[in-house]
Structures are given as structure tokens and as C-alpha cells.
PDB file of N, CA and C in Angstrom:
ATOM      1  N   UNK A   1     100.490 -23.978 110.735  1.00  0.00           N
ATOM      2  CA  UNK A   1     100.100 -23.025 110.209  1.00  0.00           C
ATOM      3  C   UNK A   1      98.812 -22.728 111.362  1.00  0.00           C
ATOM      4  N   UNK A   2      97.807 -21.926 112.185  1.00  0.00           N
ATOM      5  CA  UNK A   2      97.654 -21.714 113.272  1.00  0.00           C
ATOM      6  C   UNK A   2      96.450 -21.578 113.139  1.00  0.00           C
ATOM      7  N   UNK A   3      96.301 -20.651 112.063  1.00  0.00           N
ATOM      8  CA  UNK A   3      94.862 -19.605 111.414  1.00  0.00           C
ATOM      9  C   UNK A   3      94.223 -20.467 111.826  1.00  0.00           C
ATOM     10  N   UNK A   4      93.143 -20.667 112.555  1.00  0.00           N
ATOM     11  CA  UNK A   4      91.614 -21.710 112.496  1.00  0.00           C
ATOM     12  C   UNK A   4      90.874 -21.247 112.715  1.00  0.00           C
ATOM     13  N   UNK A   5      89.300 -21.594 112.394  1.00  0.00           N
ATOM     14  CA  UNK A   5      87.736 -20.931 113.156  1.00  0.00           C
ATOM     15  C   UNK A   5      88.131 -22.168 114.385  1.00  0.00           C
ATOM     16  N   UNK A   6      87.529 -21.992 115.701  1.00  0.00           N
ATOM     17  CA  UNK A   6      86.769 -23.304 115.355  1.00  0.00           C
ATOM     18  C   UNK A   6      84.860 -22.675 116.507  1.00  0.00           C
ATOM     19  N   UNK A   7      84.190 -24.453 115.925  1.00  0.00           N
ATOM     20  CA  UNK A   7      82.641 -24.040 116.480  1.00  0.00           C
ATOM     21  C   UNK A   7      83.084 -25.018 117.812  1.00  0.00           C
ATOM     22  N   UNK A   8      82.998 -24.967 118.713  1.00  0.00           N
ATOM     23  CA  UNK A   8      82.543 -25.986 120.377  1.00  0.00           C
ATOM     24  C   UNK A   8      81.426 -25.432 120.120  1.00  0.00           C
ATOM     25  N   UNK A   9      80.850 -26.951 120.579  1.00  0.00           N
ATOM     26  CA  UNK A   9      79.578 -27.816 121.442  1.00  0.00           C
ATOM     27  C   UNK A   9      78.984 -26.463 122.313  1.00  0.00           C
ATOM     28  N   UNK A  10      79.912 -26.226 123.335  1.00  0.00           N
ATOM     29  CA  UNK A  10      79.577 -26.068 124.181  1.00  0.00           C
ATOM     30  C   UNK A  10      79.150 -24.880 124.862  1.00  0.00           C
ATOM     31  N   UNK A  11      79.886 -23.690 123.423  1.00  0.00           N
ATOM     32  CA  UNK A  11      79.686 -22.960 123.818  1.00  0.00           C
ATOM     33  C   UNK A  11      77.492 -22.155 122.964  1.00  0.00           C
ATOM     34  N   UNK A  12      77.829 -23.524 122.142  1.00  0.00           N
ATOM     35  CA  UNK A  12      76.335 -23.122 121.246  1.00  0.00           C
ATOM     36  C   UNK A  12      74.941 -24.287 121.899  1.00  0.00           C
ATOM     37  N   UNK A  13      74.918 -25.104 122.679  1.00  0.00           N
ATOM     38  CA  UNK A  13      73.846 -25.383 122.847  1.00  0.00           C
ATOM     39  C   UNK A  13      73.929 -25.627 124.202  1.00  0.00           C
ATOM     40  N   UNK A  14      73.228 -25.600 124.929  1.00  0.00           N
ATOM     41  CA  UNK A  14      72.837 -24.345 126.597  1.00  0.00           C
ATOM     42  C   UNK A  14      74.097 -24.062 127.615  1.00  0.00           C
ATOM     43  N   UNK A  15      74.763 -23.829 126.883  1.00  0.00           N
ATOM     44  CA  UNK A  15      76.273 -22.503 127.138  1.00  0.00           C
ATOM     45  C   UNK A  15      75.967 -22.999 128.784  1.00  0.00           C
ATOM     46  N   UNK A  16      74.903 -22.988 129.989  1.00  0.00           N
ATOM     47  CA  UNK A  16      75.309 -23.036 130.917  1.00  0.00           C
ATOM     48  C   UNK A  16      75.123 -24.369 131.722  1.00  0.00           C
ATOM     49  N   UNK A  17      74.984 -25.074 131.124  1.00  0.00           N
ATOM     50  CA  UNK A  17      74.489 -26.910 131.217  1.00  0.00           C
ATOM     51  C   UNK A  17      76.361 -27.304 131.582  1.00  0.00           C
ATOM     52  N   UNK A  18      77.421 -27.002 131.166  1.00  0.00           N
ATOM     53  CA  UNK A  18      77.951 -27.638 130.767  1.00  0.00           C
ATOM     54  C   UNK A  18      78.749 -27.833 131.991  1.00  0.00           C
ATOM     55  N   UNK A  19      80.354 -28.847 132.673  1.00  0.00           N
ATOM     56  CA  UNK A  19      81.301 -28.536 133.536  1.00  0.00           C
ATOM     57  C   UNK A  19      82.467 -29.304 132.491  1.00  0.00           C
ATOM     58  N   UNK A  20      82.884 -27.069 132.494  1.00  0.00           N
ATOM     59  CA  UNK A  20      84.033 -27.334 131.974  1.00  0.00           C
ATOM     60  C   UNK A  20      85.111 -27.839 132.241  1.00  0.00           C
ATOM     61  N   UNK A  21      84.689 -28.692 133.843  1.00  0.00           N
ATOM     62  CA  UNK A  21      85.841 -29.830 134.437  1.00  0.00           C
ATOM     63  C   UNK A  21      85.100 -30.744 134.004  1.00  0.00           C
ATOM     64  N   UNK A  22      85.051 -32.148 133.654  1.00  0.00           N
ATOM     65  CA  UNK A  22      84.164 -32.365 134.162  1.00  0.00           C
ATOM     66  C   UNK A  22      82.678 -33.231 133.249  1.00  0.00           C
ATOM     67  N   UNK A  23      83.490 -32.881 131.274  1.00  0.00           N
ATOM     68  CA  UNK A  23      82.576 -33.727 130.642  1.00  0.00           C
ATOM     69  C   UNK A  23      83.261 -33.658 129.796  1.00  0.00           C
ATOM     70  N   UNK A  24      82.419 -34.119 127.814  1.00  0.00           N
ATOM     71  CA  UNK A  24      83.242 -34.049 126.781  1.00  0.00           C
ATOM     72  C   UNK A  24      82.219 -33.421 126.053  1.00  0.00           C
ATOM     73  N   UNK A  25      82.195 -32.495 124.489  1.00  0.00           N
ATOM     74  CA  UNK A  25      81.605 -32.137 123.038  1.00  0.00           C
ATOM     75  C   UNK A  25      82.510 -31.920 122.564  1.00  0.00           C
ATOM     76  N   UNK A  26      81.646 -32.248 120.925  1.00  0.00           N
ATOM     77  CA  UNK A  26      81.603 -31.914 120.290  1.00  0.00           C
ATOM     78  C   UNK A  26      82.068 -30.030 120.186  1.00  0.00           C
ATOM     79  N   UNK A  27      83.809 -29.784 118.519  1.00  0.00           N
ATOM     80  CA  UNK A  27      84.101 -28.875 118.479  1.00  0.00           C
ATOM     81  C   UNK A  27      84.813 -29.104 116.485  1.00  0.00           C
ATOM     82  N   UNK A  28      83.827 -28.582 116.532  1.00  0.00           N
ATOM     83  CA  UNK A  28      84.942 -28.421 114.565  1.00  0.00           C
ATOM     84  C   UNK A  28      86.120 -26.970 114.281  1.00  0.00           C
ATOM     85  N   UNK A  29      87.013 -27.616 113.311  1.00  0.00           N
ATOM     86  CA  UNK A  29      88.222 -26.488 113.446  1.00  0.00           C
ATOM     87  C   UNK A  29      88.202 -26.424 111.691  1.00  0.00           C
ATOM     88  N   UNK A  30      87.806 -25.374 111.529  1.00  0.00           N
ATOM     89  CA  UNK A  30      87.903 -25.076 110.472  1.00  0.00           C
ATOM     90  C   UNK A  30      89.186 -24.154 109.964  1.00  0.00           C
ATOM     91  N   UNK A  31      89.869 -24.674 108.617  1.00  0.00           N
ATOM     92  CA  UNK A  31      91.678 -24.178 108.461  1.00  0.00           C
ATOM     93  C   UNK A  31      91.520 -23.293 107.525  1.00  0.00           C
ATOM     94  N   UNK A  32      92.369 -22.947 107.177  1.00  0.00           N
ATOM     95  CA  UNK A  32      91.334 -21.209 106.119  1.00  0.00           C
ATOM     96  C   UNK A  32      91.800 -22.000 104.578  1.00  0.00           C
ATOM     97  N   UNK A  33      92.452 -23.417 104.722  1.00  0.00           N
ATOM     98  CA  UNK A  33      93.138 -24.270 102.790  1.00  0.00           C
ATOM     99  C   UNK A  33      92.001 -25.483 102.774  1.00  0.00           C
ATOM    100  N   UNK A  34      90.856 -24.979 103.564  1.00  0.00           N
ATOM    101  CA  UNK A  34      89.309 -25.458 103.573  1.00  0.00           C
ATOM    102  C   UNK A  34      89.308 -27.329 103.734  1.00  0.00           C
ATOM    103  N   UNK A  35      89.948 -27.665 104.651  1.00  0.00           N
ATOM    104  CA  UNK A  35      89.721 -28.452 105.774  1.00  0.00           C
ATOM    105  C   UNK A  35      89.778 -28.679 106.819  1.00  0.00           C
ATOM    106  N   UNK A  36      88.692 -29.474 106.832  1.00  0.00           N
ATOM    107  CA  UNK A  36      87.943 -29.106 107.943  1.00  0.00           C
ATOM    108  C   UNK A  36      87.746 -30.306 109.411  1.00  0.00           C
ATOM    109  N   UNK A  37      87.758 -30.292 110.836  1.00  0.00           N
ATOM    110  CA  UNK A  37      88.283 -31.565 111.210  1.00  0.00           C
ATOM    111  C   UNK A  37      86.795 -31.494 112.460  1.00  0.00           C
ATOM    112  N   UNK A  38      86.138 -33.021 112.413  1.00  0.00           N
ATOM    113  CA  UNK A  38      84.798 -33.129 113.763  1.00  0.00           C
ATOM    114  C   UNK A  38      86.294 -33.804 114.878  1.00  0.00           C
ATOM    115  N   UNK A  39      86.008 -33.329 116.007  1.00  0.00           N
ATOM    116  CA  UNK A  39      86.696 -33.106 116.901  1.00  0.00           C
ATOM    117  C   UNK A  39      85.802 -34.290 118.222  1.00  0.00           C
ATOM    118  N   UNK A  40      86.113 -35.052 118.791  1.00  0.00           N
ATOM    119  CA  UNK A  40      85.327 -35.399 120.204  1.00  0.00           C
ATOM    120  C   UNK A  40      86.513 -35.158 121.012  1.00  0.00           C
ATOM    121  N   UNK A  41      86.110 -34.465 122.722  1.00  0.00           N
ATOM    122  CA  UNK A  41      87.440 -34.086 123.192  1.00  0.00           C
ATOM    123  C   UNK A  41      86.582 -34.185 124.466  1.00  0.00           C
ATOM    124  N   UNK A  42      86.997 -34.740 125.900  1.00  0.00           N
ATOM    125  CA  UNK A  42      86.857 -35.691 126.515  1.00  0.00           C
ATOM    126  C   UNK A  42      87.502 -34.773 127.741  1.00  0.00           C
ATOM    127  N   UNK A  43      87.690 -33.567 128.251  1.00  0.00           N
ATOM    128  CA  UNK A  43      88.151 -32.781 130.008  1.00  0.00           C
ATOM    129  C   UNK A  43      88.673 -34.435 130.533  1.00  0.00           C
ATOM    130  N   UNK A  44      89.944 -34.193 131.050  1.00  0.00           N
ATOM    131  CA  UNK A  44      91.101 -35.375 131.973  1.00  0.00           C
ATOM    132  C   UNK A  44      90.387 -36.091 133.187  1.00  0.00           C
ATOM    133  N   UNK A  45      89.119 -35.559 133.428  1.00  0.00           N
ATOM    134  CA  UNK A  45      88.687 -35.329 134.305  1.00  0.00           C
ATOM    135  C   UNK A  45      87.486 -36.411 134.170  1.00  0.00           C
ATOM    136  N   UNK A  46      87.145 -36.268 133.341  1.00  0.00           N
ATOM    137  CA  UNK A  46      85.923 -36.952 132.408  1.00  0.00           C
ATOM    138  C   UNK A  46      86.217 -38.332 132.331  1.00  0.00           C
ATOM    139  N   UNK A  47      86.450 -38.378 131.746  1.00  0.00           N
ATOM    140  CA  UNK A  47      88.087 -39.787 131.631  1.00  0.00           C
ATOM    141  C   UNK A  47      87.568 -41.118 132.458  1.00  0.00           C
ATOM    142  N   UNK A  48      88.338 -40.702 134.228  1.00  0.00           N
ATOM    143  CA  UNK A  48      87.534 -41.175 135.201  1.00  0.00           C
ATOM    144  C   UNK A  48      85.907 -41.517 135.236  1.00  0.00           C
ATOM    145  N   UNK A  49      85.229 -40.548 134.964  1.00  0.00           N
ATOM    146  CA  UNK A  49      83.971 -40.911 135.344  1.00  0.00           C
ATOM    147  C   UNK A  49      83.204 -41.307 134.094  1.00  0.00           C
ATOM    148  N   UNK A  50      84.174 -41.245 133.302  1.00  0.00           N
ATOM    149  CA  UNK A  50      83.385 -42.458 131.722  1.00  0.00           C
ATOM    150  C   UNK A  50      84.125 -44.085 131.864  1.00  0.00           C
ATOM    151  N   UNK A  51      84.875 -44.424 132.958  1.00  0.00           N
ATOM    152  CA  UNK A  51      85.303 -45.488 132.533  1.00  0.00           C
ATOM    153  C   UNK A  51      84.209 -46.145 134.227  1.00  0.00           C
ATOM    154  N   UNK A  52      84.630 -45.506 135.697  1.00  0.00           N
ATOM    155  CA  UNK A  52      83.146 -45.610 136.391  1.00  0.00           C
ATOM    156  C   UNK A  52      81.349 -45.610 135.816  1.00  0.00           C
ATOM    157  N   UNK A  53      80.838 -44.977 134.408  1.00  0.00           N
ATOM    158  CA  UNK A  53      79.920 -44.824 133.961  1.00  0.00           C
ATOM    159  C   UNK A  53      79.796 -46.645 133.477  1.00  0.00           C
ATOM    160  N   UNK A  54      80.944 -46.363 132.717  1.00  0.00           N
ATOM    161  CA  UNK A  54      80.675 -47.578 132.440  1.00  0.00           C
ATOM    162  C   UNK A  54      80.452 -49.124 132.682  1.00  0.00           C
ATOM    163  N   UNK A  55      81.848 -49.205 133.900  1.00  0.00           N
ATOM    164  CA  UNK A  55      81.578 -50.188 135.073  1.00  0.00           C
ATOM    165  C   UNK A  55      79.841 -50.347 135.573  1.00  0.00           C
ATOM    166  N   UNK A  56      79.654 -48.958 135.642  1.00  0.00           N
ATOM    167  CA  UNK A  56      77.812 -49.057 137.143  1.00  0.00           C
ATOM    168  C   UNK A  56      76.726 -49.548 135.706  1.00  0.00           C
ATOM    169  N   UNK A  57      77.450 -49.348 134.655  1.00  0.00           N
ATOM    170  CA  UNK A  57      76.687 -50.427 133.150  1.00  0.00           C
ATOM    171  C   UNK A  57      76.834 -51.004 132.799  1.00  0.00           C
ATOM    172  N   UNK A  58      78.256 -51.553 133.350  1.00  0.00           N
ATOM    173  CA  UNK A  58      78.105 -52.942 133.038  1.00  0.00           C
ATOM    174  C   UNK A  58      78.999 -53.156 131.417  1.00  0.00           C
ATOM    175  N   UNK A  59      79.341 -52.482 131.297  1.00  0.00           N
ATOM    176  CA  UNK A  59      79.256 -51.750 129.420  1.00  0.00           C
ATOM    177  C   UNK A  59      81.100 -52.211 129.786  1.00  0.00           C
ATOM    178  N   UNK A  60      82.020 -52.139 127.610  1.00  0.00           N
ATOM    179  CA  UNK A  60      82.704 -52.025 127.604  1.00  0.00           C
ATOM    180  C   UNK A  60      84.051 -53.005 128.581  1.00  0.00           C
ATOM    181  N   UNK A  61      82.428 -54.406 128.977  1.00  0.00           N
ATOM    182  CA  UNK A  61      83.027 -56.003 129.486  1.00  0.00           C
ATOM    183  C   UNK A  61      84.117 -54.841 131.303  1.00  0.00           C
ATOM    184  N   UNK A  62      82.547 -54.692 131.759  1.00  0.00           N
ATOM    185  CA  UNK A  62      82.206 -54.288 132.497  1.00  0.00           C
ATOM    186  C   UNK A  62      83.627 -53.543 133.063  1.00  0.00           C
ATOM    187  N   UNK A  63      83.850 -52.162 132.429  1.00  0.00           N
ATOM    188  CA  UNK A  63      85.200 -51.106 132.379  1.00  0.00           C
ATOM    189  C   UNK A  63      86.459 -51.127 132.488  1.00  0.00           C
ATOM    190  N   UNK A  64      86.702 -52.743 131.743  1.00  0.00           N
ATOM    191  CA  UNK A  64      88.128 -52.501 131.365  1.00  0.00           C
ATOM    192  C   UNK A  64      88.497 -52.581 129.859  1.00  0.00           C
ATOM    193  N   UNK A  65      88.403 -51.675 129.206  1.00  0.00           N
ATOM    194  CA  UNK A  65      88.608 -50.932 128.544  1.00  0.00           C
ATOM    195  C   UNK A  65      87.647 -49.261 128.097  1.00  0.00           C
ATOM    196  N   UNK A  66      88.390 -49.097 127.773  1.00  0.00           N
ATOM    197  CA  UNK A  66      87.390 -47.102 126.554  1.00  0.00           C
ATOM    198  C   UNK A  66      87.492 -47.115 125.548  1.00  0.00           C
ATOM    199  N   UNK A  67      86.423 -46.474 125.461  1.00  0.00           N
ATOM    200  CA  UNK A  67      87.154 -45.873 123.225  1.00  0.00           C
ATOM    201  C   UNK A  67      87.926 -44.927 124.090  1.00  0.00           C
ATOM    202  N   UNK A  68      88.978 -44.370 123.577  1.00  0.00           N
ATOM    203  CA  UNK A  68      89.330 -42.430 123.342  1.00  0.00           C
ATOM    204  C   UNK A  68      88.967 -41.500 123.022  1.00  0.00           C
ATOM    205  N   UNK A  69      88.402 -40.742 123.270  1.00  0.00           N
ATOM    206  CA  UNK A  69      87.192 -39.318 122.091  1.00  0.00           C
ATOM    207  C   UNK A  69      88.816 -38.817 121.135  1.00  0.00           C
ATOM    208  N   UNK A  70      88.979 -38.248 120.768  1.00  0.00           N
ATOM    209  CA  UNK A  70      90.189 -37.753 119.595  1.00  0.00           C
ATOM    210  C   UNK A  70      90.690 -36.614 120.012  1.00  0.00           C
ATOM    211  N   UNK A  71      90.907 -36.528 121.509  1.00  0.00           N
ATOM    212  CA  UNK A  71      91.627 -34.861 122.279  1.00  0.00           C
ATOM    213  C   UNK A  71      91.005 -35.337 124.083  1.00  0.00           C
ATOM    214  N   UNK A  72      91.769 -34.915 124.543  1.00  0.00           N
ATOM    215  CA  UNK A  72      91.642 -34.828 126.055  1.00  0.00           C
ATOM    216  C   UNK A  72      92.027 -33.747 125.953  1.00  0.00           C
ATOM    217  N   UNK A  73      91.657 -32.600 127.555  1.00  0.00           N
ATOM    218  CA  UNK A  73      91.873 -30.966 127.418  1.00  0.00           C
ATOM    219  C   UNK A  73      92.057 -31.006 129.345  1.00  0.00           C
ATOM    220  N   UNK A  74      92.404 -30.243 129.624  1.00  0.00           N
ATOM    221  CA  UNK A  74      92.394 -29.936 131.226  1.00  0.00           C
ATOM    222  C   UNK A  74      90.750 -29.461 131.615  1.00  0.00           C
ATOM    223  N   UNK A  75      89.930 -28.563 130.737  1.00  0.00           N
ATOM    224  CA  UNK A  75      88.939 -27.870 130.791  1.00  0.00           C
ATOM    225  C   UNK A  75      87.958 -27.643 129.395  1.00  0.00           C
ATOM    226  N   UNK A  76      86.879 -27.238 129.434  1.00  0.00           N
ATOM    227  CA  UNK A  76      86.454 -27.720 128.164  1.00  0.00           C
ATOM    228  C   UNK A  76      85.686 -25.815 128.062  1.00  0.00           C
ATOM    229  N   UNK A  77      87.622 -24.852 128.106  1.00  0.00           N
ATOM    230  CA  UNK A  77      87.147 -23.734 128.195  1.00  0.00           C
ATOM    231  C   UNK A  77      87.627 -23.040 126.471  1.00  0.00           C
ATOM    232  N   UNK A  78      87.125 -22.772 125.571  1.00  0.00           N
ATOM    233  CA  UNK A  78      87.779 -21.192 124.459  1.00  0.00           C
ATOM    234  C   UNK A  78      89.174 -21.870 124.737  1.00  0.00           C
ATOM    235  N   UNK A  79      90.302 -20.664 125.300  1.00  0.00           N
ATOM    236  CA  UNK A  79      90.738 -20.137 125.730  1.00  0.00           C
ATOM    237  C   UNK A  79      91.931 -21.753 125.722  1.00  0.00           C
ATOM    238  N   UNK A  80      91.179 -22.767 126.949  1.00  0.00           N
ATOM    239  CA  UNK A  80      92.437 -24.588 127.189  1.00  0.00           C
ATOM    240  C   UNK A  80      92.318 -24.592 125.174  1.00  0.00           C
ATOM    241  N   UNK A  81      91.050 -24.904 124.506  1.00  0.00           N
ATOM    242  CA  UNK A  81      91.365 -25.598 123.206  1.00  0.00           C
ATOM    243  C   UNK A  81      91.900 -24.921 122.820  1.00  0.00           C
ATOM    244  N   UNK A  82      91.935 -23.517 122.443  1.00  0.00           N
ATOM    245  CA  UNK A  82      92.349 -22.800 121.436  1.00  0.00           C
ATOM    246  C   UNK A  82      93.200 -23.284 120.962  1.00  0.00           C
ATOM    247  N   UNK A  83      94.374 -23.119 122.569  1.00  0.00           N
ATOM    248  CA  UNK A  83      95.464 -22.981 122.604  1.00  0.00           C
ATOM    249  C   UNK A  83      95.942 -25.099 122.034  1.00  0.00           C
ATOM    250  N   UNK A  84      95.422 -25.820 122.594  1.00  0.00           N
ATOM    251  CA  UNK A  84      95.762 -26.686 122.046  1.00  0.00           C
ATOM    252  C   UNK A  84      96.080 -27.872 120.685  1.00  0.00           C
ATOM    253  N   UNK A  85      94.692 -26.492 119.613  1.00  0.00           N
ATOM    254  CA  UNK A  85      94.703 -27.471 118.902  1.00  0.00           C
ATOM    255  C   UNK A  85      95.565 -26.357 117.836  1.00  0.00           C
ATOM    256  N   UNK A  86      95.620 -24.883 118.466  1.00  0.00           N
ATOM    257  CA  UNK A  86      97.597 -24.276 117.755  1.00  0.00           C
ATOM    258  C   UNK A  86      98.092 -24.891 117.953  1.00  0.00           C
ATOM    259  N   UNK A  87      98.765 -25.836 119.194  1.00  0.00           N
ATOM    260  CA  UNK A  87      99.981 -26.307 120.356  1.00  0.00           C
ATOM    261  C   UNK A  87      99.771 -28.236 118.219  1.00  0.00           C
ATOM    262  N   UNK A  88      98.943 -28.247 117.924  1.00  0.00           N
ATOM    263  CA  UNK A  88      99.088 -29.707 117.698  1.00  0.00           C
ATOM    264  C   UNK A  88      99.066 -29.670 116.637  1.00  0.00           C
ATOM    265  N   UNK A  89      98.372 -28.162 115.612  1.00  0.00           N
ATOM    266  CA  UNK A  89      99.267 -27.386 114.457  1.00  0.00           C
ATOM    267  C   UNK A  89     100.374 -27.182 114.218  1.00  0.00           C
ATOM    268  N   UNK A  90     100.653 -26.900 115.195  1.00  0.00           N
ATOM    269  CA  UNK A  90     101.989 -25.963 114.981  1.00  0.00           C
ATOM    270  C   UNK A  90     103.637 -27.854 114.458  1.00  0.00           C
ATOM    271  N   UNK A  91     102.434 -28.759 115.231  1.00  0.00           N
ATOM    272  CA  UNK A  91     103.497 -30.027 114.576  1.00  0.00           C
ATOM    273  C   UNK A  91     103.399 -31.533 113.770  1.00  0.00           C
ATOM    274  N   UNK A  92     101.312 -30.926 112.942  1.00  0.00           N
ATOM    275  CA  UNK A  92     102.043 -31.251 112.084  1.00  0.00           C
ATOM    276  C   UNK A  92     100.451 -30.986 111.302  1.00  0.00           C
ATOM    277  N   UNK A  93      99.437 -32.120 110.330  1.00  0.00           N
ATOM    278  CA  UNK A  93      97.953 -32.194 110.296  1.00  0.00           C
ATOM    279  C   UNK A  93      97.145 -32.672 110.937  1.00  0.00           C
ATOM    280  N   UNK A  94      96.176 -31.788 111.348  1.00  0.00           N
ATOM    281  CA  UNK A  94      95.196 -33.073 112.808  1.00  0.00           C
ATOM    282  C   UNK A  94      95.671 -34.404 112.306  1.00  0.00           C
ATOM    283  N   UNK A  95      95.244 -34.993 111.706  1.00  0.00           N
ATOM    284  CA  UNK A  95      94.869 -36.108 111.492  1.00  0.00           C
ATOM    285  C   UNK A  95      96.247 -36.459 111.767  1.00  0.00           C
ATOM    286  N   UNK A  96      97.734 -36.999 111.296  1.00  0.00           N
ATOM    287  CA  UNK A  96      98.688 -37.212 111.848  1.00  0.00           C
ATOM    288  C   UNK A  96      98.747 -37.968 113.509  1.00  0.00           C
ATOM    289  N   UNK A  97      98.837 -36.046 113.356  1.00  0.00           N
ATOM    290  CA  UNK A  97      99.070 -36.238 115.711  1.00  0.00           C
ATOM    291  C   UNK A  97      98.005 -36.611 116.196  1.00  0.00           C
ATOM    292  N   UNK A  98      96.384 -36.228 115.709  1.00  0.00           N
ATOM    293  CA  UNK A  98      96.436 -37.095 116.837  1.00  0.00           C
ATOM    294  C   UNK A  98      96.237 -38.403 116.787  1.00  0.00           C
ATOM    295  N   UNK A  99      95.921 -39.099 116.791  1.00  0.00           N
ATOM    296  CA  UNK A  99      95.664 -40.835 116.249  1.00  0.00           C
ATOM    297  C   UNK A  99      96.735 -41.702 115.393  1.00  0.00           C
ATOM    298  N   UNK A 100      98.066 -41.584 114.581  1.00  0.00           N
ATOM    299  CA  UNK A 100      98.196 -41.938 114.282  1.00  0.00           C
ATOM    300  C   UNK A 100      98.412 -43.467 113.875  1.00  0.00           C
ATOM    301  N   UNK A 101      98.146 -43.819 114.824  1.00  0.00           N
ATOM    302  CA  UNK A 101      97.895 -45.632 114.687  1.00  0.00           C
ATOM    303  C   UNK A 101      96.609 -46.117 113.278  1.00  0.00           C
ATOM    304  N   UNK A 102      96.086 -44.508 113.790  1.00  0.00           N
ATOM    305  CA  UNK A 102      94.567 -45.287 113.528  1.00  0.00           C
ATOM    306  C   UNK A 102      95.148 -44.793 112.006  1.00  0.00           C
ATOM    307  N   UNK A 103      94.940 -43.986 111.234  1.00  0.00           N
ATOM    308  CA  UNK A 103      95.155 -44.251 109.861  1.00  0.00           C
ATOM    309  C   UNK A 103      96.999 -45.779 108.669  1.00  0.00           C
ATOM    310  N   UNK A 104      97.393 -45.997 109.863  1.00  0.00           N
ATOM    311  CA  UNK A 104      97.492 -47.287 109.137  1.00  0.00           C
ATOM    312  C   UNK A 104      97.418 -47.849 107.692  1.00  0.00           C
ATOM    313  N   UNK A 105      98.054 -47.861 106.533  1.00  0.00           N
ATOM    314  CA  UNK A 105      97.280 -48.257 105.742  1.00  0.00           C
ATOM    315  C   UNK A 105      96.564 -50.036 105.847  1.00  0.00           C
ATOM    316  N   UNK A 106      95.423 -50.170 105.031  1.00  0.00           N
ATOM    317  CA  UNK A 106      94.955 -51.444 105.508  1.00  0.00           C
ATOM    318  C   UNK A 106      96.045 -52.510 104.538  1.00  0.00           C
ATOM    319  N   UNK A 107      97.375 -52.272 103.977  1.00  0.00           N
ATOM    320  CA  UNK A 107      98.066 -53.368 103.319  1.00  0.00           C
ATOM    321  C   UNK A 107      99.234 -53.574 105.223  1.00  0.00           C
ATOM    322  N   UNK A 108      99.016 -52.380 105.413  1.00  0.00           N
ATOM    323  CA  UNK A 108      99.951 -53.030 106.474  1.00  0.00           C
ATOM    324  C   UNK A 108      99.548 -53.946 107.326  1.00  0.00           C
ATOM    325  N   UNK A 109      98.001 -54.057 107.892  1.00  0.00           N
ATOM    326  CA  UNK A 109      97.846 -55.224 108.835  1.00  0.00           C
ATOM    327  C   UNK A 109      98.187 -56.401 107.874  1.00  0.00           C
ATOM    328  N   UNK A 110      98.752 -56.376 106.520  1.00  0.00           N
ATOM    329  CA  UNK A 110      98.481 -57.814 105.986  1.00  0.00           C
ATOM    330  C   UNK A 110     100.050 -58.478 106.422  1.00  0.00           C
TER     331      UNK A 110
END
């Protein structure tokens, strides 16, 4: 399934204030079958920015770890994100493709 609608925070909330190569944003993916996904997306460059910010603010044990977003992309543009989501949907359901380890059943932990 590659038919979907996208709502992207950076297109709606103060569109001129985003750095398309070094920023993060929320998006919503709506599928025709009624499923909806809210995703936190970071650019590759923002990954480094987030680490440096944690070190500076002494968060995450002074930058020793970082809780990642749902998806990394090269840039915050409709084209880049639309292509990424389309490709991911070709692989399967987003909840299984993006981070399948989070979906482990609780009985798997026993």
C-alpha cells in the first residue's frame, strides 16, 4: 500500500522557521484503510545537534545515550518524507517496519 496522506508540522506551523537539513518535526500519515500514524522525524544532521545539546545540558548522562525519533531523513521536505514513507509502506506496516523491537510482546521478556 503506497496510497496515503501526509500532514507535516513544518508546512503548517511557522513554515519559514524550519531548517530543512538540521531540524525535527512531527508528521501524521493517514492510510485509506483508516490507520493513522504520528511520527517524530529528525534529519541526519539533527542527530548530531541533539547529541551536542544533551552534552551541553548534561542530559542523558552527558550525552552517553539518545532516545531516537521514529524516523531519520536527509531533509525535512515533502518530497523526501513522502518518498521515505512510500518506500517503508512497500516493506510492510509502519508499526512493524519502523521499530519492530519496540513491539515485542511482554511475554517475550519473561
